[in-house]
């Protein structure tokens, strides 16, 4: 549901606002889903408490999608 709402807002504002996907992001797949729906950024919180490496996992997945090497 949140992804549907994010997508609708992104269409309505047409790039006039920078959108941040927040809530329920616990994996790279979740972050990519929010970004694909129109978010410019994502925020993780609880997931990082459970898995401190989740931010690195998300960064690496996004870099792979963009064809960029990170290290």
N, C-alpha and C. Protein backbone atom coordinates (compact mmCIF):
# COMPACT_ATOMS: atom_id res chain seq x y z
N UNK A 1 0.82 -1.19 0.00
CA UNK A 1 0.00 0.00 0.00
C UNK A 1 0.87 1.27 0.00
N UNK A 2 1.92 1.27 0.79
CA UNK A 2 2.76 2.47 0.86
C UNK A 2 3.42 2.75 -0.48
N UNK A 3 3.78 1.70 -1.20
CA UNK A 3 4.42 1.90 -2.51
C UNK A 3 3.41 2.48 -3.49
N UNK A 4 2.17 2.03 -3.43
CA UNK A 4 1.13 2.58 -4.30
C UNK A 4 0.92 4.05 -4.00
N UNK A 5 0.86 4.40 -2.72
CA UNK A 5 0.68 5.80 -2.34
C UNK A 5 1.86 6.65 -2.79
N UNK A 6 3.06 6.14 -2.61
CA UNK A 6 4.26 6.86 -3.02
C UNK A 6 4.23 7.11 -4.52
N UNK A 7 3.85 6.09 -5.28
CA UNK A 7 3.77 6.22 -6.74
C UNK A 7 2.75 7.30 -7.13
N UNK A 8 1.59 7.30 -6.47
CA UNK A 8 0.55 8.29 -6.76
C UNK A 8 1.04 9.70 -6.43
N UNK A 9 1.68 9.87 -5.31
CA UNK A 9 2.19 11.19 -4.93
C UNK A 9 3.25 11.65 -5.92
N UNK A 10 4.14 10.75 -6.32
CA UNK A 10 5.19 11.11 -7.28
C UNK A 10 4.59 11.61 -8.58
N UNK A 11 3.52 10.96 -9.03
CA UNK A 11 2.85 11.40 -10.26
C UNK A 11 2.20 12.76 -10.05
N UNK A 12 1.52 12.93 -8.93
CA UNK A 12 0.80 14.18 -8.67
C UNK A 12 1.73 15.38 -8.54
N UNK A 13 2.86 15.22 -7.88
CA UNK A 13 3.76 16.37 -7.69
C UNK A 13 4.69 16.56 -8.87
N UNK A 14 4.81 15.56 -9.72
CA UNK A 14 5.58 15.69 -10.95
C UNK A 14 7.00 16.19 -10.77
N UNK A 15 7.67 15.75 -9.74
CA UNK A 15 9.06 16.17 -9.52
C UNK A 15 9.17 17.47 -8.76
N UNK A 16 8.05 18.04 -8.35
CA UNK A 16 8.07 19.31 -7.63
C UNK A 16 8.52 19.18 -6.18
N UNK A 17 8.55 17.98 -5.67
CA UNK A 17 8.99 17.72 -4.29
C UNK A 17 10.00 16.57 -4.30
N UNK A 18 10.95 16.63 -3.39
CA UNK A 18 11.87 15.51 -3.20
C UNK A 18 11.20 14.55 -2.23
N UNK A 19 10.95 13.34 -2.65
CA UNK A 19 10.24 12.37 -1.83
C UNK A 19 11.23 11.41 -1.15
N UNK A 20 10.92 11.07 0.10
CA UNK A 20 11.75 10.15 0.86
C UNK A 20 10.90 8.96 1.26
N UNK A 21 11.34 7.77 0.87
CA UNK A 21 10.65 6.55 1.26
C UNK A 21 11.08 6.16 2.67
N UNK A 22 10.11 6.08 3.58
CA UNK A 22 10.39 5.79 4.98
C UNK A 22 9.40 4.74 5.47
N UNK A 23 9.88 3.80 6.24
CA UNK A 23 8.99 2.82 6.87
C UNK A 23 9.00 1.48 6.14
N UNK A 24 9.33 0.46 6.87
CA UNK A 24 9.28 -0.88 6.31
C UNK A 24 10.40 -1.24 5.36
N UNK A 25 11.45 -0.45 5.35
CA UNK A 25 12.57 -0.74 4.45
C UNK A 25 13.59 -1.57 5.24
N UNK A 26 13.62 -2.86 4.92
CA UNK A 26 14.50 -3.76 5.64
C UNK A 26 15.48 -4.49 4.76
N UNK A 27 15.46 -4.17 3.46
CA UNK A 27 16.35 -4.87 2.54
C UNK A 27 16.62 -3.99 1.32
N UNK A 28 17.57 -4.43 0.53
CA UNK A 28 17.86 -3.72 -0.72
C UNK A 28 16.65 -3.75 -1.64
N UNK A 29 15.94 -4.87 -1.67
CA UNK A 29 14.75 -4.97 -2.52
C UNK A 29 13.70 -3.94 -2.12
N UNK A 30 13.52 -3.74 -0.81
CA UNK A 30 12.56 -2.73 -0.33
C UNK A 30 12.98 -1.34 -0.77
N UNK A 31 14.26 -1.03 -0.62
CA UNK A 31 14.76 0.29 -1.00
C UNK A 31 14.59 0.52 -2.50
N UNK A 32 14.94 -0.48 -3.29
CA UNK A 32 14.81 -0.36 -4.75
C UNK A 32 13.36 -0.18 -5.14
N UNK A 33 12.45 -0.88 -4.46
CA UNK A 33 11.02 -0.75 -4.74
C UNK A 33 10.55 0.69 -4.49
N UNK A 34 10.98 1.29 -3.38
CA UNK A 34 10.58 2.67 -3.06
C UNK A 34 11.16 3.65 -4.08
N UNK A 35 12.41 3.45 -4.46
CA UNK A 35 13.04 4.34 -5.44
C UNK A 35 12.36 4.21 -6.80
N UNK A 36 12.01 2.99 -7.18
CA UNK A 36 11.31 2.77 -8.45
C UNK A 36 9.92 3.40 -8.44
N UNK A 37 9.33 3.52 -7.25
CA UNK A 37 8.00 4.10 -7.13
C UNK A 37 8.02 5.63 -7.16
N UNK A 38 9.22 6.22 -7.08
CA UNK A 38 9.30 7.67 -7.17
C UNK A 38 10.04 8.37 -6.05
N UNK A 39 10.48 7.62 -5.04
CA UNK A 39 11.26 8.25 -3.97
C UNK A 39 12.62 8.66 -4.50
N UNK A 40 13.10 9.80 -4.03
CA UNK A 40 14.44 10.26 -4.39
C UNK A 40 15.47 9.71 -3.41
N UNK A 41 15.02 9.43 -2.20
CA UNK A 41 15.88 8.92 -1.14
C UNK A 41 15.09 7.89 -0.34
N UNK A 42 15.78 7.08 0.43
CA UNK A 42 15.12 6.18 1.37
C UNK A 42 15.79 6.33 2.73
N UNK A 43 15.03 6.04 3.77
CA UNK A 43 15.56 6.10 5.13
C UNK A 43 15.36 4.75 5.78
N UNK A 44 16.40 4.26 6.42
CA UNK A 44 16.27 3.03 7.20
C UNK A 44 16.51 3.38 8.66
N UNK A 45 15.85 2.66 9.55
CA UNK A 45 16.06 2.90 10.97
C UNK A 45 16.08 1.57 11.71
N UNK A 46 14.92 1.00 11.96
CA UNK A 46 14.83 -0.24 12.72
C UNK A 46 15.65 -1.35 12.07
N UNK A 47 15.63 -1.41 10.75
CA UNK A 47 16.38 -2.46 10.05
C UNK A 47 17.86 -2.40 10.39
N UNK A 48 18.39 -1.21 10.57
CA UNK A 48 19.81 -1.06 10.89
C UNK A 48 20.11 -1.52 12.32
N UNK A 49 19.11 -1.46 13.19
CA UNK A 49 19.31 -1.97 14.55
C UNK A 49 19.34 -3.50 14.55
N UNK A 50 18.55 -4.08 13.66
CA UNK A 50 18.48 -5.54 13.56
C UNK A 50 19.68 -6.09 12.79
N UNK A 51 20.02 -5.40 11.70
CA UNK A 51 21.12 -5.83 10.83
C UNK A 51 21.98 -4.61 10.53
N UNK A 52 23.04 -4.38 11.29
CA UNK A 52 23.87 -3.19 11.08
C UNK A 52 24.46 -3.07 9.68
N UNK A 53 24.51 -4.15 8.93
CA UNK A 53 25.09 -4.11 7.58
C UNK A 53 24.06 -3.79 6.50
N UNK A 54 22.80 -3.56 6.88
CA UNK A 54 21.76 -3.36 5.86
C UNK A 54 22.05 -2.14 4.99
N UNK A 55 22.60 -1.10 5.54
CA UNK A 55 22.93 0.08 4.74
C UNK A 55 23.97 -0.23 3.67
N UNK A 56 24.95 -1.03 4.04
CA UNK A 56 25.97 -1.44 3.08
C UNK A 56 25.36 -2.34 2.02
N UNK A 57 24.48 -3.25 2.44
CA UNK A 57 23.80 -4.13 1.48
C UNK A 57 23.00 -3.32 0.46
N UNK A 58 22.29 -2.30 0.94
CA UNK A 58 21.49 -1.45 0.05
C UNK A 58 22.41 -0.68 -0.89
N UNK A 59 23.47 -0.08 -0.34
CA UNK A 59 24.42 0.65 -1.18
C UNK A 59 24.98 -0.24 -2.28
N UNK A 60 25.40 -1.44 -1.91
CA UNK A 60 26.00 -2.35 -2.88
C UNK A 60 25.00 -2.76 -3.96
N UNK A 61 23.76 -3.03 -3.57
CA UNK A 61 22.74 -3.42 -4.54
C UNK A 61 22.45 -2.28 -5.51
N UNK A 62 22.38 -1.06 -4.99
CA UNK A 62 22.13 0.10 -5.86
C UNK A 62 23.31 0.32 -6.80
N UNK A 63 24.51 0.14 -6.29
CA UNK A 63 25.70 0.30 -7.13
C UNK A 63 25.72 -0.74 -8.24
N UNK A 64 25.37 -1.99 -7.91
CA UNK A 64 25.32 -3.03 -8.95
C UNK A 64 24.30 -2.67 -10.03
N UNK A 65 23.15 -2.17 -9.62
CA UNK A 65 22.11 -1.78 -10.59
C UNK A 65 22.59 -0.66 -11.49
N UNK A 66 23.40 0.23 -10.94
CA UNK A 66 23.90 1.38 -11.70
C UNK A 66 25.19 1.05 -12.45
N UNK A 67 25.75 -0.13 -12.20
CA UNK A 67 27.00 -0.51 -12.84
C UNK A 67 28.20 0.25 -12.31
N UNK A 68 28.12 0.61 -11.01
CA UNK A 68 29.18 1.38 -10.38
C UNK A 68 29.90 0.50 -9.36
N UNK A 69 31.21 0.58 -9.34
CA UNK A 69 31.98 -0.18 -8.35
C UNK A 69 32.08 0.62 -7.06
N UNK A 70 31.88 -0.04 -5.94
CA UNK A 70 32.06 0.60 -4.64
C UNK A 70 33.02 -0.25 -3.83
N UNK A 71 33.64 0.35 -2.87
CA UNK A 71 34.58 -0.45 -2.09
C UNK A 71 34.84 0.13 -0.82
